[in-house]
N, C-alpha and C. Protein backbone atom coordinates (compact mmCIF):
# COMPACT_ATOMS: atom_id res chain seq x y z
N UNK A 1 48.02 -20.18 -28.14
CA UNK A 1 46.72 -19.62 -27.80
C UNK A 1 46.34 -18.49 -28.78
N UNK A 2 47.28 -17.61 -29.07
CA UNK A 2 47.03 -16.50 -29.98
C UNK A 2 46.67 -16.98 -31.38
N UNK A 3 47.34 -18.07 -31.81
CA UNK A 3 47.06 -18.63 -33.13
C UNK A 3 45.62 -19.12 -33.23
N UNK A 4 45.15 -19.77 -32.16
CA UNK A 4 43.77 -20.28 -32.15
C UNK A 4 42.75 -19.14 -32.26
N UNK A 5 43.02 -18.06 -31.57
CA UNK A 5 42.10 -16.91 -31.63
C UNK A 5 42.08 -16.33 -33.05
N UNK A 6 43.26 -16.20 -33.66
CA UNK A 6 43.33 -15.69 -35.03
C UNK A 6 42.59 -16.62 -35.99
N UNK A 7 42.78 -17.93 -35.81
CA UNK A 7 42.09 -18.92 -36.65
C UNK A 7 40.57 -18.82 -36.49
N UNK A 8 40.11 -18.73 -35.26
CA UNK A 8 38.66 -18.61 -35.01
C UNK A 8 38.09 -17.33 -35.62
N UNK A 9 38.80 -16.22 -35.49
CA UNK A 9 38.34 -14.96 -36.07
C UNK A 9 38.29 -15.07 -37.59
N UNK A 10 39.31 -15.70 -38.18
CA UNK A 10 39.33 -15.88 -39.64
C UNK A 10 38.16 -16.74 -40.11
N UNK A 11 37.90 -17.84 -39.41
CA UNK A 11 36.77 -18.72 -39.77
C UNK A 11 35.44 -17.99 -39.64
N UNK A 12 35.30 -17.21 -38.59
CA UNK A 12 34.07 -16.43 -38.39
C UNK A 12 33.91 -15.40 -39.50
N UNK A 13 35.00 -14.75 -39.88
CA UNK A 13 34.94 -13.75 -40.96
C UNK A 13 34.51 -14.39 -42.27
N UNK A 14 35.04 -15.56 -42.59
CA UNK A 14 34.66 -16.28 -43.81
C UNK A 14 33.18 -16.64 -43.76
N UNK A 15 32.71 -17.15 -42.63
CA UNK A 15 31.29 -17.53 -42.50
C UNK A 15 30.38 -16.32 -42.68
N UNK A 16 30.73 -15.20 -42.08
CA UNK A 16 29.92 -13.97 -42.21
C UNK A 16 29.92 -13.49 -43.65
N UNK A 17 31.09 -13.51 -44.29
CA UNK A 17 31.19 -13.10 -45.69
C UNK A 17 30.31 -13.98 -46.58
N UNK A 18 30.38 -15.29 -46.40
CA UNK A 18 29.57 -16.21 -47.22
C UNK A 18 28.08 -15.98 -46.97
N UNK A 19 27.70 -15.74 -45.72
CA UNK A 19 26.30 -15.50 -45.38
C UNK A 19 25.76 -14.29 -46.14
N UNK A 20 26.51 -13.18 -46.13
CA UNK A 20 26.03 -11.97 -46.80
C UNK A 20 26.13 -12.08 -48.31
N UNK A 21 27.14 -12.77 -48.82
CA UNK A 21 27.25 -12.97 -50.27
C UNK A 21 26.09 -13.82 -50.77
N UNK A 22 25.72 -14.84 -49.99
CA UNK A 22 24.61 -15.72 -50.36
C UNK A 22 23.31 -14.93 -50.48
N UNK A 23 23.14 -13.94 -49.63
CA UNK A 23 21.92 -13.12 -49.66
C UNK A 23 21.77 -12.36 -50.98
N UNK A 24 22.86 -12.15 -51.71
CA UNK A 24 22.78 -11.42 -52.97
C UNK A 24 22.19 -12.26 -54.09
N UNK A 25 22.25 -13.58 -54.00
CA UNK A 25 21.73 -14.42 -55.08
C UNK A 25 20.71 -15.46 -54.63
N UNK A 26 20.52 -15.64 -53.34
CA UNK A 26 19.60 -16.66 -52.83
C UNK A 26 18.48 -16.00 -52.03
N UNK A 27 17.24 -16.24 -52.48
CA UNK A 27 16.09 -15.73 -51.74
C UNK A 27 15.63 -16.83 -50.78
N UNK A 28 15.51 -16.49 -49.51
CA UNK A 28 14.98 -17.42 -48.52
C UNK A 28 13.52 -17.05 -48.30
N UNK A 29 12.63 -17.98 -48.64
CA UNK A 29 11.20 -17.72 -48.64
C UNK A 29 10.50 -18.40 -47.48
N UNK A 30 9.49 -17.71 -46.94
CA UNK A 30 8.62 -18.34 -45.94
C UNK A 30 7.81 -19.43 -46.65
N UNK A 31 7.17 -20.28 -45.88
CA UNK A 31 6.37 -21.34 -46.50
C UNK A 31 5.30 -20.77 -47.42
N UNK A 32 4.64 -19.69 -47.02
CA UNK A 32 3.60 -19.08 -47.86
C UNK A 32 4.19 -18.55 -49.17
N UNK A 33 5.32 -17.86 -49.10
CA UNK A 33 5.97 -17.34 -50.31
C UNK A 33 6.41 -18.50 -51.21
N UNK A 34 6.96 -19.54 -50.59
CA UNK A 34 7.44 -20.71 -51.33
C UNK A 34 6.27 -21.36 -52.06
N UNK A 35 5.15 -21.50 -51.34
CA UNK A 35 3.96 -22.14 -51.90
C UNK A 35 3.40 -21.35 -53.09
N UNK A 36 3.51 -20.03 -53.05
CA UNK A 36 2.98 -19.19 -54.13
C UNK A 36 3.73 -19.40 -55.44
N UNK A 37 5.04 -19.75 -55.37
CA UNK A 37 5.83 -19.80 -56.59
C UNK A 37 6.35 -21.15 -57.02
N UNK A 38 6.30 -22.16 -56.16
CA UNK A 38 7.01 -23.39 -56.50
C UNK A 38 6.40 -24.19 -57.65
N UNK A 39 5.12 -23.98 -57.95
CA UNK A 39 4.52 -24.73 -59.07
C UNK A 39 5.00 -24.23 -60.43
N UNK A 40 5.47 -22.97 -60.46
CA UNK A 40 5.99 -22.40 -61.72
C UNK A 40 7.51 -22.58 -61.80
N UNK A 41 8.09 -23.20 -60.80
CA UNK A 41 9.55 -23.33 -60.73
C UNK A 41 9.96 -24.80 -60.82
N UNK A 42 11.26 -25.01 -60.84
CA UNK A 42 11.82 -26.35 -60.74
C UNK A 42 12.00 -26.62 -59.25
N UNK A 43 11.18 -27.50 -58.71
CA UNK A 43 11.19 -27.79 -57.27
C UNK A 43 12.14 -28.95 -57.01
N UNK A 44 13.24 -28.66 -56.31
CA UNK A 44 14.29 -29.64 -56.12
C UNK A 44 14.53 -29.91 -54.63
N UNK A 45 14.44 -31.18 -54.27
CA UNK A 45 14.75 -31.67 -52.93
C UNK A 45 16.19 -32.14 -52.97
N UNK A 46 17.08 -31.49 -52.22
CA UNK A 46 18.50 -31.83 -52.29
C UNK A 46 18.93 -32.82 -51.20
N UNK A 47 17.95 -33.41 -50.52
CA UNK A 47 18.28 -34.43 -49.52
C UNK A 47 18.63 -35.75 -50.20
N UNK A 48 19.13 -36.68 -49.44
CA UNK A 48 19.49 -38.00 -49.96
C UNK A 48 18.22 -38.80 -50.28
N UNK A 49 18.31 -39.77 -51.22
CA UNK A 49 17.13 -40.53 -51.64
C UNK A 49 16.34 -41.18 -50.49
N UNK A 50 17.03 -41.69 -49.47
CA UNK A 50 16.30 -42.32 -48.36
C UNK A 50 15.46 -41.29 -47.59
N UNK A 51 15.94 -40.06 -47.48
CA UNK A 51 15.16 -38.99 -46.83
C UNK A 51 13.97 -38.61 -47.71
N UNK A 52 14.21 -38.49 -49.01
CA UNK A 52 13.18 -38.13 -49.98
C UNK A 52 12.05 -39.16 -49.96
N UNK A 53 12.41 -40.46 -49.92
CA UNK A 53 11.41 -41.53 -49.93
C UNK A 53 10.52 -41.52 -48.69
N UNK A 54 11.05 -41.05 -47.57
CA UNK A 54 10.26 -41.00 -46.33
C UNK A 54 9.20 -39.90 -46.38
N UNK A 55 9.39 -38.94 -47.27
CA UNK A 55 8.42 -37.86 -47.42
C UNK A 55 9.05 -36.66 -48.09
N UNK A 56 8.32 -36.08 -49.06
CA UNK A 56 8.81 -34.90 -49.78
C UNK A 56 7.62 -34.05 -50.22
N UNK A 57 7.92 -32.81 -50.59
CA UNK A 57 6.88 -31.91 -51.06
C UNK A 57 6.35 -32.44 -52.39
N UNK A 58 5.03 -32.49 -52.51
CA UNK A 58 4.37 -32.98 -53.71
C UNK A 58 4.90 -32.24 -54.94
N UNK A 59 5.37 -32.98 -55.92
CA UNK A 59 5.88 -32.40 -57.16
C UNK A 59 7.38 -32.17 -57.19
N UNK A 60 8.06 -32.46 -56.09
CA UNK A 60 9.52 -32.23 -56.03
C UNK A 60 10.28 -33.34 -56.74
N UNK A 61 11.43 -32.94 -57.32
CA UNK A 61 12.38 -33.90 -57.89
C UNK A 61 13.53 -34.04 -56.91
N UNK A 62 14.06 -35.23 -56.80
CA UNK A 62 15.17 -35.47 -55.89
C UNK A 62 16.50 -35.41 -56.65
N UNK A 63 17.26 -34.35 -56.39
CA UNK A 63 18.62 -34.24 -56.89
C UNK A 63 19.48 -33.94 -55.66
N UNK A 64 20.02 -34.99 -55.02
CA UNK A 64 20.79 -34.78 -53.79
C UNK A 64 21.99 -33.85 -54.01
N UNK A 65 22.31 -33.08 -52.99
CA UNK A 65 23.46 -32.19 -53.05
C UNK A 65 24.70 -32.94 -53.49
N UNK A 66 24.85 -34.19 -53.02
CA UNK A 66 26.03 -34.99 -53.35
C UNK A 66 26.12 -35.33 -54.84
N UNK A 67 25.00 -35.19 -55.58
CA UNK A 67 24.98 -35.50 -57.01
C UNK A 67 24.75 -34.26 -57.88
N UNK A 68 24.62 -33.11 -57.26
CA UNK A 68 24.21 -31.90 -57.97
C UNK A 68 25.13 -31.56 -59.15
N UNK A 69 26.43 -31.60 -58.95
CA UNK A 69 27.37 -31.25 -60.04
C UNK A 69 27.16 -32.13 -61.27
N UNK A 70 26.99 -33.43 -61.04
CA UNK A 70 26.84 -34.38 -62.14
C UNK A 70 25.48 -34.27 -62.82
N UNK A 71 24.50 -33.73 -62.14
CA UNK A 71 23.13 -33.71 -62.66
C UNK A 71 22.62 -32.33 -63.05
N UNK A 72 23.53 -31.37 -63.19
CA UNK A 72 23.13 -30.01 -63.57
C UNK A 72 22.39 -29.97 -64.90
N UNK A 73 22.67 -30.93 -65.80
CA UNK A 73 22.00 -30.96 -67.11
C UNK A 73 20.48 -31.13 -66.96
N UNK A 74 20.03 -31.61 -65.80
CA UNK A 74 18.59 -31.81 -65.57
C UNK A 74 17.87 -30.51 -65.21
N UNK A 75 18.63 -29.45 -64.96
CA UNK A 75 18.02 -28.17 -64.56
C UNK A 75 18.16 -27.13 -65.65
N UNK A 76 17.09 -26.38 -65.85
CA UNK A 76 17.08 -25.31 -66.85
C UNK A 76 17.49 -24.00 -66.18
N UNK A 77 18.32 -23.22 -66.89
CA UNK A 77 18.75 -21.93 -66.35
C UNK A 77 17.72 -20.84 -66.55
N UNK A 78 16.74 -21.07 -67.44
CA UNK A 78 15.75 -20.02 -67.74
C UNK A 78 14.51 -20.11 -66.86
N UNK A 79 14.46 -21.05 -65.93
CA UNK A 79 13.32 -21.17 -65.02
C UNK A 79 13.80 -21.06 -63.58
N UNK A 80 12.97 -20.49 -62.71
CA UNK A 80 13.36 -20.39 -61.30
C UNK A 80 13.63 -21.78 -60.70
N UNK A 81 14.56 -21.83 -59.76
CA UNK A 81 14.87 -23.07 -59.05
C UNK A 81 14.50 -22.86 -57.58
N UNK A 82 13.63 -23.72 -57.08
CA UNK A 82 13.23 -23.70 -55.67
C UNK A 82 13.85 -24.92 -55.01
N UNK A 83 14.66 -24.67 -54.01
CA UNK A 83 15.40 -25.73 -53.33
C UNK A 83 14.91 -25.90 -51.90
N UNK A 84 15.02 -27.13 -51.42
CA UNK A 84 14.85 -27.35 -49.99
C UNK A 84 15.61 -28.60 -49.57
N UNK A 85 15.95 -28.66 -48.29
CA UNK A 85 16.56 -29.84 -47.70
C UNK A 85 15.86 -30.03 -46.35
N UNK A 86 16.48 -30.69 -45.41
CA UNK A 86 15.82 -30.93 -44.13
C UNK A 86 15.72 -29.64 -43.31
N UNK A 87 16.83 -28.89 -43.25
CA UNK A 87 16.83 -27.71 -42.39
C UNK A 87 17.27 -26.41 -43.05
N UNK A 88 17.95 -26.49 -44.20
CA UNK A 88 18.34 -25.28 -44.90
C UNK A 88 19.81 -25.18 -45.27
N UNK A 89 20.67 -25.96 -44.62
CA UNK A 89 22.10 -25.80 -44.92
C UNK A 89 22.50 -26.43 -46.25
N UNK A 90 21.96 -27.60 -46.57
CA UNK A 90 22.32 -28.23 -47.85
C UNK A 90 21.73 -27.45 -49.03
N UNK A 91 20.53 -26.93 -48.88
CA UNK A 91 19.95 -26.16 -49.98
C UNK A 91 20.75 -24.88 -50.22
N UNK A 92 21.30 -24.29 -49.16
CA UNK A 92 22.14 -23.10 -49.32
C UNK A 92 23.43 -23.46 -50.07
N UNK A 93 24.01 -24.62 -49.77
CA UNK A 93 25.22 -25.05 -50.49
C UNK A 93 24.89 -25.36 -51.95
N UNK A 94 23.74 -25.98 -52.19
CA UNK A 94 23.32 -26.26 -53.57
C UNK A 94 23.13 -24.95 -54.33
N UNK A 95 22.55 -23.96 -53.68
CA UNK A 95 22.33 -22.65 -54.30
C UNK A 95 23.66 -22.01 -54.68
N UNK A 96 24.65 -22.14 -53.82
CA UNK A 96 25.98 -21.60 -54.11
C UNK A 96 26.55 -22.24 -55.38
N UNK A 97 26.41 -23.55 -55.48
CA UNK A 97 26.89 -24.27 -56.66
C UNK A 97 26.15 -23.81 -57.91
N UNK A 98 24.82 -23.71 -57.83
CA UNK A 98 24.03 -23.28 -58.98
C UNK A 98 24.41 -21.85 -59.40
N UNK A 99 24.60 -20.99 -58.42
CA UNK A 99 24.99 -19.61 -58.72
C UNK A 99 26.31 -19.56 -59.48
N UNK A 100 27.28 -20.36 -59.02
CA UNK A 100 28.58 -20.41 -59.70
C UNK A 100 28.44 -20.91 -61.14
N UNK A 101 27.43 -21.74 -61.41
CA UNK A 101 27.22 -22.30 -62.74
C UNK A 101 26.30 -21.44 -63.61
N UNK A 102 25.93 -20.25 -63.11
CA UNK A 102 25.19 -19.30 -63.93
C UNK A 102 23.69 -19.23 -63.71
N UNK A 103 23.18 -19.90 -62.70
CA UNK A 103 21.74 -19.82 -62.39
C UNK A 103 21.49 -18.53 -61.61
N UNK A 104 20.40 -17.82 -61.99
CA UNK A 104 20.12 -16.52 -61.38
C UNK A 104 18.97 -16.53 -60.39
N UNK A 105 17.90 -17.22 -60.73
CA UNK A 105 16.67 -17.16 -59.94
C UNK A 105 16.59 -18.38 -59.01
N UNK A 106 17.18 -18.25 -57.82
CA UNK A 106 17.28 -19.36 -56.88
C UNK A 106 16.63 -18.97 -55.56
N UNK A 107 15.76 -19.86 -55.07
CA UNK A 107 15.09 -19.64 -53.78
C UNK A 107 15.19 -20.90 -52.94
N UNK A 108 15.13 -20.70 -51.62
CA UNK A 108 15.11 -21.86 -50.73
C UNK A 108 14.00 -21.68 -49.71
N UNK A 109 13.53 -22.81 -49.20
CA UNK A 109 12.47 -22.83 -48.19
C UNK A 109 13.07 -22.55 -46.82
N UNK A 110 12.60 -21.49 -46.18
CA UNK A 110 13.08 -21.13 -44.84
C UNK A 110 12.74 -22.26 -43.86
N UNK A 111 13.74 -22.75 -43.17
CA UNK A 111 13.53 -23.80 -42.17
C UNK A 111 13.52 -25.21 -42.75
N UNK A 112 13.49 -25.31 -44.08
CA UNK A 112 13.55 -26.62 -44.73
C UNK A 112 12.30 -27.46 -44.59
N UNK A 113 12.42 -28.71 -44.99
CA UNK A 113 11.29 -29.63 -45.02
C UNK A 113 10.69 -29.87 -43.64
N UNK A 114 11.54 -29.82 -42.61
CA UNK A 114 11.03 -30.08 -41.25
C UNK A 114 10.02 -29.03 -40.80
N UNK A 115 10.00 -27.86 -41.46
CA UNK A 115 9.03 -26.80 -41.12
C UNK A 115 7.83 -26.80 -42.07
N UNK A 116 7.86 -27.61 -43.12
CA UNK A 116 6.80 -27.64 -44.14
C UNK A 116 5.52 -28.22 -43.55
N UNK A 117 4.39 -27.53 -43.80
CA UNK A 117 3.10 -28.02 -43.31
C UNK A 117 2.15 -28.39 -44.45
N UNK A 118 2.62 -28.20 -45.71
CA UNK A 118 1.77 -28.47 -46.87
C UNK A 118 1.72 -29.94 -47.24
N UNK A 119 1.23 -30.20 -48.44
CA UNK A 119 1.07 -31.58 -48.91
C UNK A 119 2.41 -32.28 -49.04
N UNK A 120 2.42 -33.54 -48.64
CA UNK A 120 3.64 -34.35 -48.65
C UNK A 120 3.32 -35.68 -49.31
N UNK A 121 4.29 -36.21 -50.07
CA UNK A 121 4.15 -37.53 -50.65
C UNK A 121 5.26 -38.41 -50.11
N UNK A 122 4.93 -39.64 -49.79
CA UNK A 122 5.94 -40.61 -49.30
C UNK A 122 5.81 -41.88 -50.11
N UNK A 123 6.92 -42.62 -50.22
CA UNK A 123 6.90 -43.90 -50.95
C UNK A 123 6.52 -45.01 -50.00
């Protein structure tokens, strides 16, 4: 029983640490803030292709989180990167990866695509 409590406390500590560390390099933007800057940025949808095809923000490129490492050459380090996924967890993980690879200007859409009310394109 004591071991489980220690394990849970350790996992919680790691999660809290990652949350606050992420805040140092990842800006979480409201839809209005996101809309103001995404046309000057690299707009990346990190969801899977089937999700992207059902609907995505107009002008977004689909680079799924599962392919991000292999496709980093498609992203420029000198331009802001605006990320989104369905709810926010995958874009946060993508931001962590980009940060480790030297990207500085990274933002994500608060609440993800499911909260987006702007223009959408579907295949």
